[in-house]
Amino acid sequence: MSEEIKVGDRIKIIEMDDGLTTLKKGSKGTVKNIDNEQELIWVDWDNGEKLALIIGIDKYKVIKK
């Protein structure tokens, strides 16, 4: 994982390879759960989707407040 991330953090997609979602580069959301065993970061996206990022594959950035 490129950055330390925790539940409640706001994040933005830099790169995601998933053709079954409307999420794209720049989409933002709030981290709801981190599953280190399955290497998933579950996010409630601002567009209403609930989709996990895959640690080590999807690229994201924590939005600094």
C-alpha atoms as a PDB file:
ATOM      1  CA  MET A   1       0.000   0.000   0.000  1.00  0.00           C
ATOM      2  CA  SER A   2       1.483   3.320  -1.030  1.00  0.00           C
ATOM      3  CA  GLU A   3      -0.012   5.356   1.804  1.00  0.00           C
ATOM      4  CA  GLU A   4      -1.148   4.705   5.342  1.00  0.00           C
ATOM      5  CA  ILE A   5      -4.931   4.640   5.178  1.00  0.00           C
ATOM      6  CA  LYS A   6      -7.622   4.330   7.824  1.00  0.00           C
ATOM      7  CA  VAL A   7     -11.394   4.098   8.103  1.00  0.00           C
ATOM      8  CA  GLY A   8     -12.975   7.512   7.580  1.00  0.00           C
ATOM      9  CA  ASP A   9     -10.259   8.769   5.219  1.00  0.00           C
ATOM     10  CA  ARG A  10     -11.347  10.478   2.006  1.00  0.00           C
ATOM     11  CA  ILE A  11      -9.661   9.027  -1.068  1.00  0.00           C
ATOM     12  CA  LYS A  12      -9.486   9.663  -4.799  1.00  0.00           C
ATOM     13  CA  ILE A  13      -8.935   7.125  -7.582  1.00  0.00           C
ATOM     14  CA  ILE A  14      -5.757   7.548  -9.592  1.00  0.00           C
ATOM     15  CA  GLU A  15      -6.126   4.303 -11.572  1.00  0.00           C
ATOM     16  CA  MET A  16      -8.595   1.404 -11.413  1.00  0.00           C
ATOM     17  CA  ASP A  17      -8.974  -1.484 -13.843  1.00  0.00           C
ATOM     18  CA  ASP A  18     -12.639  -2.484 -13.510  1.00  0.00           C
ATOM     19  CA  GLY A  19     -14.935  -2.341 -16.517  1.00  0.00           C
ATOM     20  CA  LEU A  20     -18.065  -3.046 -14.473  1.00  0.00           C
ATOM     21  CA  THR A  21     -18.165   0.269 -12.611  1.00  0.00           C
ATOM     22  CA  THR A  22     -18.896   3.872 -13.508  1.00  0.00           C
ATOM     23  CA  LEU A  23     -16.024   4.960 -11.242  1.00  0.00           C
ATOM     24  CA  LYS A  24     -13.133   6.582 -13.063  1.00  0.00           C
ATOM     25  CA  LYS A  25      -9.962   8.528 -12.423  1.00  0.00           C
ATOM     26  CA  GLY A  26     -10.700  11.335  -9.985  1.00  0.00           C
ATOM     27  CA  SER A  27     -13.741   9.676  -8.352  1.00  0.00           C
ATOM     28  CA  LYS A  28     -13.842  10.292  -4.601  1.00  0.00           C
ATOM     29  CA  GLY A  29     -15.194   8.389  -1.630  1.00  0.00           C
ATOM     30  CA  THR A  30     -14.896   7.582   2.069  1.00  0.00           C
ATOM     31  CA  VAL A  31     -13.145   4.473   3.422  1.00  0.00           C
ATOM     32  CA  LYS A  32     -15.607   2.287   5.376  1.00  0.00           C
ATOM     33  CA  ASN A  33     -13.578  -0.866   6.039  1.00  0.00           C
ATOM     34  CA  ILE A  34     -10.089  -2.228   5.458  1.00  0.00           C
ATOM     35  CA  ASP A  35      -9.776  -5.990   4.967  1.00  0.00           C
ATOM     36  CA  ASN A  36      -6.043  -6.711   5.143  1.00  0.00           C
ATOM     37  CA  GLU A  37      -6.598 -10.477   4.866  1.00  0.00           C
ATOM     38  CA  GLN A  38      -8.249 -10.149   1.441  1.00  0.00           C
ATOM     39  CA  GLU A  39      -6.289  -6.976   0.605  1.00  0.00           C
ATOM     40  CA  LEU A  40      -9.425  -4.876   0.028  1.00  0.00           C
ATOM     41  CA  ILE A  41     -10.302  -1.309   0.955  1.00  0.00           C
ATOM     42  CA  TRP A  42     -14.096  -0.936   1.037  1.00  0.00           C
ATOM     43  CA  VAL A  43     -15.248   2.523   0.005  1.00  0.00           C
ATOM     44  CA  ASP A  44     -18.587   4.336  -0.069  1.00  0.00           C
ATOM     45  CA  TRP A  45     -18.124   6.332  -3.268  1.00  0.00           C
ATOM     46  CA  ASP A  46     -19.702   9.757  -3.689  1.00  0.00           C
ATOM     47  CA  ASN A  47     -21.728   8.488  -6.683  1.00  0.00           C
ATOM     48  CA  GLY A  48     -23.490   5.949  -4.429  1.00  0.00           C
ATOM     49  CA  GLU A  49     -21.455   2.873  -5.393  1.00  0.00           C
ATOM     50  CA  LYS A  50     -19.985   0.622  -2.722  1.00  0.00           C
ATOM     51  CA  LEU A  51     -16.920  -0.967  -4.259  1.00  0.00           C
ATOM     52  CA  ALA A  52     -13.592  -2.116  -2.864  1.00  0.00           C
ATOM     53  CA  LEU A  53     -10.165  -1.080  -4.047  1.00  0.00           C
ATOM     54  CA  ILE A  54      -7.641  -3.900  -4.359  1.00  0.00           C
ATOM     55  CA  ILE A  55      -4.499  -3.159  -2.356  1.00  0.00           C
ATOM     56  CA  GLY A  56      -1.425  -3.291  -4.580  1.00  0.00           C
ATOM     57  CA  ILE A  57      -3.414  -3.194  -7.833  1.00  0.00           C
ATOM     58  CA  ASP A  58      -5.710  -0.173  -7.791  1.00  0.00           C
ATOM     59  CA  LYS A  59      -4.012   3.196  -7.346  1.00  0.00           C
ATOM     60  CA  TYR A  60      -5.509   5.814  -5.059  1.00  0.00           C
ATOM     61  CA  LYS A  61      -4.555   8.884  -3.077  1.00  0.00           C
ATOM     62  CA  VAL A  62      -5.619   9.941   0.407  1.00  0.00           C
ATOM     63  CA  ILE A  63      -7.104  13.420   0.153  1.00  0.00           C
ATOM     64  CA  LYS A  64      -5.444  15.713   2.652  1.00  0.00           C
ATOM     65  CA  LYS A  65      -7.762  17.994   4.588  1.00  0.00           C
END
